[in-house]
Amino acid sequence: MKPVSRIAVAIFVLIALVHVARVVLLVEVTVAGAQVPQWMSGVAAVFMSTIAVLLAREQRTGVSVSGRH
């Protein structure tokens, strides 16, 4: 795996873990006076972890997600 890809995967995993921690610890986030719902962090965690897995798999096999090189 290329170094830049490793860094990207690590960042995506870190962001996913922060979102999971927010849900588990019930941390409230307010942006511009509006409270951000907990479910948004759940969706973001799934999205970020999916991107990390797809990128890691793509780099390991050398085949893109779409099946083209």
PDB file of N, CA and C in Angstrom:
ATOM      1  N   MET A   1       0.850  -1.174   0.000  1.00  0.00           N
ATOM      2  CA  MET A   1       0.000   0.000   0.000  1.00  0.00           C
ATOM      3  C   MET A   1       0.892   1.233   0.000  1.00  0.00           C
ATOM      4  N   LYS A   2       0.524   2.198  -0.803  1.00  0.00           N
ATOM      5  CA  LYS A   2       1.299   3.427  -0.895  1.00  0.00           C
ATOM      6  C   LYS A   2       1.174   4.218   0.403  1.00  0.00           C
ATOM      7  N   PRO A   3       2.228   4.966   0.772  1.00  0.00           N
ATOM      8  CA  PRO A   3       2.200   5.723   2.026  1.00  0.00           C
ATOM      9  C   PRO A   3       1.030   6.708   2.127  1.00  0.00           C
ATOM     10  N   VAL A   4       0.705   7.364   1.031  1.00  0.00           N
ATOM     11  CA  VAL A   4      -0.394   8.334   1.055  1.00  0.00           C
ATOM     12  C   VAL A   4      -1.720   7.611   1.304  1.00  0.00           C
ATOM     13  N   SER A   5      -1.872   6.443   0.723  1.00  0.00           N
ATOM     14  CA  SER A   5      -3.089   5.659   0.935  1.00  0.00           C
ATOM     15  C   SER A   5      -3.193   5.201   2.387  1.00  0.00           C
ATOM     16  N   ARG A   6      -2.077   4.811   2.976  1.00  0.00           N
ATOM     17  CA  ARG A   6      -2.085   4.424   4.397  1.00  0.00           C
ATOM     18  C   ARG A   6      -2.521   5.586   5.280  1.00  0.00           C
ATOM     19  N   ILE A   7      -2.015   6.755   4.977  1.00  0.00           N
ATOM     20  CA  ILE A   7      -2.385   7.941   5.750  1.00  0.00           C
ATOM     21  C   ILE A   7      -3.869   8.232   5.584  1.00  0.00           C
ATOM     22  N   ALA A   8      -4.373   8.141   4.361  1.00  0.00           N
ATOM     23  CA  ALA A   8      -5.796   8.395   4.105  1.00  0.00           C
ATOM     24  C   ALA A   8      -6.662   7.389   4.855  1.00  0.00           C
ATOM     25  N   VAL A   9      -6.288   6.107   4.815  1.00  0.00           N
ATOM     26  CA  VAL A   9      -7.051   5.082   5.538  1.00  0.00           C
ATOM     27  C   VAL A   9      -7.035   5.381   7.032  1.00  0.00           C
ATOM     28  N   ALA A  10      -5.872   5.746   7.568  1.00  0.00           N
ATOM     29  CA  ALA A  10      -5.766   6.055   8.998  1.00  0.00           C
ATOM     30  C   ALA A  10      -6.655   7.239   9.379  1.00  0.00           C
ATOM     31  N   ILE A  11      -6.696   8.247   8.535  1.00  0.00           N
ATOM     32  CA  ILE A  11      -7.530   9.425   8.809  1.00  0.00           C
ATOM     33  C   ILE A  11      -9.010   9.050   8.778  1.00  0.00           C
ATOM     34  N   PHE A  12      -9.419   8.267   7.777  1.00  0.00           N
ATOM     35  CA  PHE A  12     -10.822   7.845   7.697  1.00  0.00           C
ATOM     36  C   PHE A  12     -11.221   7.009   8.908  1.00  0.00           C
ATOM     37  N   VAL A  13     -10.339   6.102   9.336  1.00  0.00           N
ATOM     38  CA  VAL A  13     -10.624   5.275  10.514  1.00  0.00           C
ATOM     39  C   VAL A  13     -10.709   6.146  11.762  1.00  0.00           C
ATOM     40  N   LEU A  14      -9.801   7.096  11.905  1.00  0.00           N
ATOM     41  CA  LEU A  14      -9.820   7.988  13.060  1.00  0.00           C
ATOM     42  C   LEU A  14     -11.121   8.789  13.117  1.00  0.00           C
ATOM     43  N   ILE A  15     -11.552   9.323  11.995  1.00  0.00           N
ATOM     44  CA  ILE A  15     -12.800  10.088  11.953  1.00  0.00           C
ATOM     45  C   ILE A  15     -13.988   9.193  12.308  1.00  0.00           C
ATOM     46  N   ALA A  16     -13.989   7.955  11.786  1.00  0.00           N
ATOM     47  CA  ALA A  16     -15.066   7.015  12.105  1.00  0.00           C
ATOM     48  C   ALA A  16     -15.091   6.722  13.603  1.00  0.00           C
ATOM     49  N   LEU A  17     -13.931   6.526  14.210  1.00  0.00           N
ATOM     50  CA  LEU A  17     -13.866   6.253  15.650  1.00  0.00           C
ATOM     51  C   LEU A  17     -14.346   7.439  16.484  1.00  0.00           C
ATOM     52  N   VAL A  18     -14.055   8.641  16.043  1.00  0.00           N
ATOM     53  CA  VAL A  18     -14.530   9.835  16.758  1.00  0.00           C
ATOM     54  C   VAL A  18     -16.053   9.903  16.709  1.00  0.00           C
ATOM     55  N   HIS A  19     -16.638   9.575  15.564  1.00  0.00           N
ATOM     56  CA  HIS A  19     -18.094   9.572  15.455  1.00  0.00           C
ATOM     57  C   HIS A  19     -18.717   8.487  16.339  1.00  0.00           C
ATOM     58  N   VAL A  20     -18.091   7.310  16.378  1.00  0.00           N
ATOM     59  CA  VAL A  20     -18.589   6.238  17.246  1.00  0.00           C
ATOM     60  C   VAL A  20     -18.485   6.666  18.709  1.00  0.00           C
ATOM     61  N   ALA A  21     -17.377   7.293  19.082  1.00  0.00           N
ATOM     62  CA  ALA A  21     -17.208   7.773  20.459  1.00  0.00           C
ATOM     63  C   ALA A  21     -18.273   8.798  20.814  1.00  0.00           C
ATOM     64  N   ARG A  22     -18.609   9.658  19.861  1.00  0.00           N
ATOM     65  CA  ARG A  22     -19.660  10.658  20.117  1.00  0.00           C
ATOM     66  C   ARG A  22     -20.989   9.985  20.424  1.00  0.00           C
ATOM     67  N   VAL A  23     -21.318   8.932  19.671  1.00  0.00           N
ATOM     68  CA  VAL A  23     -22.579   8.224  19.899  1.00  0.00           C
ATOM     69  C   VAL A  23     -22.550   7.485  21.236  1.00  0.00           C
ATOM     70  N   VAL A  24     -21.456   6.797  21.525  1.00  0.00           N
ATOM     71  CA  VAL A  24     -21.353   6.002  22.752  1.00  0.00           C
ATOM     72  C   VAL A  24     -21.349   6.894  23.993  1.00  0.00           C
ATOM     73  N   LEU A  25     -20.615   7.990  23.928  1.00  0.00           N
ATOM     74  CA  LEU A  25     -20.484   8.885  25.086  1.00  0.00           C
ATOM     75  C   LEU A  25     -21.590   9.936  25.160  1.00  0.00           C
ATOM     76  N   LEU A  26     -22.488   9.931  24.180  1.00  0.00           N
ATOM     77  CA  LEU A  26     -23.618  10.874  24.119  1.00  0.00           C
ATOM     78  C   LEU A  26     -23.170  12.335  24.192  1.00  0.00           C
ATOM     79  N   VAL A  27     -22.156  12.660  23.416  1.00  0.00           N
ATOM     80  CA  VAL A  27     -21.646  14.027  23.369  1.00  0.00           C
ATOM     81  C   VAL A  27     -22.559  14.853  22.476  1.00  0.00           C
ATOM     82  N   GLU A  28     -22.996  15.994  22.968  1.00  0.00           N
ATOM     83  CA  GLU A  28     -23.849  16.887  22.190  1.00  0.00           C
ATOM     84  C   GLU A  28     -22.991  17.869  21.414  1.00  0.00           C
ATOM     85  N   VAL A  29     -23.349  18.085  20.159  1.00  0.00           N
ATOM     86  CA  VAL A  29     -22.631  19.021  19.302  1.00  0.00           C
ATOM     87  C   VAL A  29     -23.632  20.060  18.809  1.00  0.00           C
ATOM     88  N   THR A  30     -23.253  21.328  18.925  1.00  0.00           N
ATOM     89  CA  THR A  30     -24.097  22.420  18.459  1.00  0.00           C
ATOM     90  C   THR A  30     -23.325  23.210  17.412  1.00  0.00           C
ATOM     91  N   VAL A  31     -23.968  23.411  16.266  1.00  0.00           N
ATOM     92  CA  VAL A  31     -23.358  24.175  15.179  1.00  0.00           C
ATOM     93  C   VAL A  31     -24.299  25.321  14.842  1.00  0.00           C
ATOM     94  N   ALA A  32     -23.807  26.530  14.973  1.00  0.00           N
ATOM     95  CA  ALA A  32     -24.584  27.735  14.669  1.00  0.00           C
ATOM     96  C   ALA A  32     -25.919  27.739  15.404  1.00  0.00           C
ATOM     97  N   GLY A  33     -25.898  27.295  16.658  1.00  0.00           N
ATOM     98  CA  GLY A  33     -27.091  27.320  17.489  1.00  0.00           C
ATOM     99  C   GLY A  33     -28.027  26.137  17.308  1.00  0.00           C
ATOM    100  N   ALA A  34     -27.739  25.261  16.364  1.00  0.00           N
ATOM    101  CA  ALA A  34     -28.583  24.081  16.131  1.00  0.00           C
ATOM    102  C   ALA A  34     -27.856  22.830  16.603  1.00  0.00           C
ATOM    103  N   GLN A  35     -28.581  21.976  17.321  1.00  0.00           N
ATOM    104  CA  GLN A  35     -27.981  20.744  17.820  1.00  0.00           C
ATOM    105  C   GLN A  35     -27.933  19.695  16.705  1.00  0.00           C
ATOM    106  N   VAL A  36     -26.773  19.055  16.554  1.00  0.00           N
ATOM    107  CA  VAL A  36     -26.589  18.020  15.538  1.00  0.00           C
ATOM    108  C   VAL A  36     -27.063  16.687  16.129  1.00  0.00           C
ATOM    109  N   PRO A  37     -27.992  15.994  15.455  1.00  0.00           N
ATOM    110  CA  PRO A  37     -28.518  14.736  15.983  1.00  0.00           C
ATOM    111  C   PRO A  37     -27.451  13.634  16.062  1.00  0.00           C
ATOM    112  N   GLN A  38     -27.613  12.726  17.036  1.00  0.00           N
ATOM    113  CA  GLN A  38     -26.675  11.619  17.219  1.00  0.00           C
ATOM    114  C   GLN A  38     -26.647  10.698  15.999  1.00  0.00           C
ATOM    115  N   TRP A  39     -27.794  10.498  15.361  1.00  0.00           N
ATOM    116  CA  TRP A  39     -27.843   9.560  14.239  1.00  0.00           C
ATOM    117  C   TRP A  39     -26.943  10.000  13.093  1.00  0.00           C
ATOM    118  N   MET A  40     -26.682  11.301  12.981  1.00  0.00           N
ATOM    119  CA  MET A  40     -25.789  11.775  11.921  1.00  0.00           C
ATOM    120  C   MET A  40     -24.371  11.242  12.122  1.00  0.00           C
ATOM    121  N   SER A  41     -23.956  11.128  13.377  1.00  0.00           N
ATOM    122  CA  SER A  41     -22.638  10.563  13.643  1.00  0.00           C
ATOM    123  C   SER A  41     -22.610   9.076  13.326  1.00  0.00           C
ATOM    124  N   GLY A  42     -23.724   8.386  13.549  1.00  0.00           N
ATOM    125  CA  GLY A  42     -23.793   6.978  13.180  1.00  0.00           C
ATOM    126  C   GLY A  42     -23.644   6.785  11.677  1.00  0.00           C
ATOM    127  N   VAL A  43     -24.348   7.605  10.920  1.00  0.00           N
ATOM    128  CA  VAL A  43     -24.249   7.550   9.458  1.00  0.00           C
ATOM    129  C   VAL A  43     -22.832   7.899   9.009  1.00  0.00           C
ATOM    130  N   ALA A  44     -22.264   8.927   9.599  1.00  0.00           N
ATOM    131  CA  ALA A  44     -20.904   9.345   9.233  1.00  0.00           C
ATOM    132  C   ALA A  44     -19.885   8.260   9.564  1.00  0.00           C
ATOM    133  N   ALA A  45     -20.059   7.566  10.694  1.00  0.00           N
ATOM    134  CA  ALA A  45     -19.140   6.490  11.078  1.00  0.00           C
ATOM    135  C   ALA A  45     -19.192   5.346  10.069  1.00  0.00           C
ATOM    136  N   VAL A  46     -20.387   4.969   9.662  1.00  0.00           N
ATOM    137  CA  VAL A  46     -20.529   3.898   8.666  1.00  0.00           C
ATOM    138  C   VAL A  46     -19.919   4.329   7.337  1.00  0.00           C
ATOM    139  N   PHE A  47     -20.189   5.557   6.931  1.00  0.00           N
ATOM    140  CA  PHE A  47     -19.664   6.076   5.667  1.00  0.00           C
ATOM    141  C   PHE A  47     -18.137   6.113   5.666  1.00  0.00           C
ATOM    142  N   MET A  48     -17.553   6.665   6.719  1.00  0.00           N
ATOM    143  CA  MET A  48     -16.092   6.784   6.792  1.00  0.00           C
ATOM    144  C   MET A  48     -15.405   5.424   6.869  1.00  0.00           C
ATOM    145  N   SER A  49     -15.980   4.510   7.641  1.00  0.00           N
ATOM    146  CA  SER A  49     -15.358   3.189   7.741  1.00  0.00           C
ATOM    147  C   SER A  49     -15.482   2.435   6.417  1.00  0.00           C
ATOM    148  N   THR A  50     -16.580   2.632   5.688  1.00  0.00           N
ATOM    149  CA  THR A  50     -16.731   2.000   4.377  1.00  0.00           C
ATOM    150  C   THR A  50     -15.684   2.525   3.404  1.00  0.00           C
ATOM    151  N   ILE A  51     -15.475   3.831   3.410  1.00  0.00           N
ATOM    152  CA  ILE A  51     -14.446   4.418   2.538  1.00  0.00           C
ATOM    153  C   ILE A  51     -13.069   3.862   2.896  1.00  0.00           C
ATOM    154  N   ALA A  52     -12.773   3.752   4.191  1.00  0.00           N
ATOM    155  CA  ALA A  52     -11.468   3.230   4.623  1.00  0.00           C
ATOM    156  C   ALA A  52     -11.273   1.798   4.148  1.00  0.00           C
ATOM    157  N   VAL A  53     -12.295   0.965   4.299  1.00  0.00           N
ATOM    158  CA  VAL A  53     -12.189  -0.439   3.889  1.00  0.00           C
ATOM    159  C   VAL A  53     -12.019  -0.540   2.374  1.00  0.00           C
ATOM    160  N   LEU A  54     -12.811   0.211   1.629  1.00  0.00           N
ATOM    161  CA  LEU A  54     -12.703   0.164   0.167  1.00  0.00           C
ATOM    162  C   LEU A  54     -11.336   0.630  -0.318  1.00  0.00           C
ATOM    163  N   LEU A  55     -10.816   1.686   0.280  1.00  0.00           N
ATOM    164  CA  LEU A  55      -9.501   2.185  -0.114  1.00  0.00           C
ATOM    165  C   LEU A  55      -8.409   1.183   0.236  1.00  0.00           C
ATOM    166  N   ALA A  56      -8.479   0.597   1.423  1.00  0.00           N
ATOM    167  CA  ALA A  56      -7.478  -0.394   1.824  1.00  0.00           C
ATOM    168  C   ALA A  56      -7.539  -1.616   0.914  1.00  0.00           C
ATOM    169  N   ARG A  57      -8.743  -2.073   0.596  1.00  0.00           N
ATOM    170  CA  ARG A  57      -8.904  -3.235  -0.284  1.00  0.00           C
ATOM    171  C   ARG A  57      -8.381  -2.933  -1.686  1.00  0.00           C
ATOM    172  N   GLU A  58      -8.666  -1.734  -2.168  1.00  0.00           N
ATOM    173  CA  GLU A  58      -8.207  -1.347  -3.499  1.00  0.00           C
ATOM    174  C   GLU A  58      -6.678  -1.320  -3.563  1.00  0.00           C
ATOM    175  N   GLN A  59      -6.056  -0.793  -2.549  1.00  0.00           N
ATOM    176  CA  GLN A  59      -4.600  -0.694  -2.543  1.00  0.00           C
ATOM    177  C   GLN A  59      -3.933  -2.057  -2.378  1.00  0.00           C
ATOM    178  N   ARG A  60      -4.574  -2.949  -1.630  1.00  0.00           N
ATOM    179  CA  ARG A  60      -4.010  -4.268  -1.400  1.00  0.00           C
ATOM    180  C   ARG A  60      -4.078  -5.129  -2.660  1.00  0.00           C
ATOM    181  N   THR A  61      -5.183  -5.074  -3.363  1.00  0.00           N
ATOM    182  CA  THR A  61      -5.371  -5.936  -4.535  1.00  0.00           C
ATOM    183  C   THR A  61      -4.884  -5.287  -5.818  1.00  0.00           C
ATOM    184  N   GLY A  62      -4.791  -3.973  -5.836  1.00  0.00           N
ATOM    185  CA  GLY A  62      -4.372  -3.268  -7.044  1.00  0.00           C
ATOM    186  C   GLY A  62      -5.502  -3.095  -8.046  1.00  0.00           C
ATOM    187  N   VAL A  63      -6.699  -3.502  -7.670  1.00  0.00           N
ATOM    188  CA  VAL A  63      -7.866  -3.360  -8.545  1.00  0.00           C
ATOM    189  C   VAL A  63      -8.782  -2.316  -7.961  1.00  0.00           C
ATOM    190  N   SER A  64      -9.262  -1.417  -8.803  1.00  0.00           N
ATOM    191  CA  SER A  64     -10.141  -0.372  -8.310  1.00  0.00           C
ATOM    192  C   SER A  64     -11.499  -0.961  -7.942  1.00  0.00           C
ATOM    193  N   VAL A  65     -12.268  -0.219  -7.180  1.00  0.00           N
ATOM    194  CA  VAL A  65     -13.588  -0.653  -6.726  1.00  0.00           C
ATOM    195  C   VAL A  65     -14.506  -0.891  -7.923  1.00  0.00           C
ATOM    196  N   SER A  66     -14.351  -0.127  -8.973  1.00  0.00           N
ATOM    197  CA  SER A  66     -15.200  -0.275 -10.155  1.00  0.00           C
ATOM    198  C   SER A  66     -14.792  -1.470 -11.009  1.00  0.00           C
ATOM    199  N   GLY A  67     -13.660  -2.096 -10.686  1.00  0.00           N
ATOM    200  CA  GLY A  67     -13.206  -3.250 -11.431  1.00  0.00           C
ATOM    201  C   GLY A  67     -12.259  -2.922 -12.574  1.00  0.00           C
ATOM    202  N   ARG A  68     -12.001  -1.643 -12.778  1.00  0.00           N
ATOM    203  CA  ARG A  68     -11.082  -1.204 -13.832  1.00  0.00           C
ATOM    204  C   ARG A  68      -9.736  -0.852 -13.225  1.00  0.00           C
ATOM    205  N   HIS A  69      -8.671  -0.881 -14.029  1.00  0.00           N
ATOM    206  CA  HIS A  69      -7.331  -0.501 -13.532  1.00  0.00           C
ATOM    207  C   HIS A  69      -7.111   0.960 -13.727  1.00  0.00           C
TER     208      HIS A  69
END
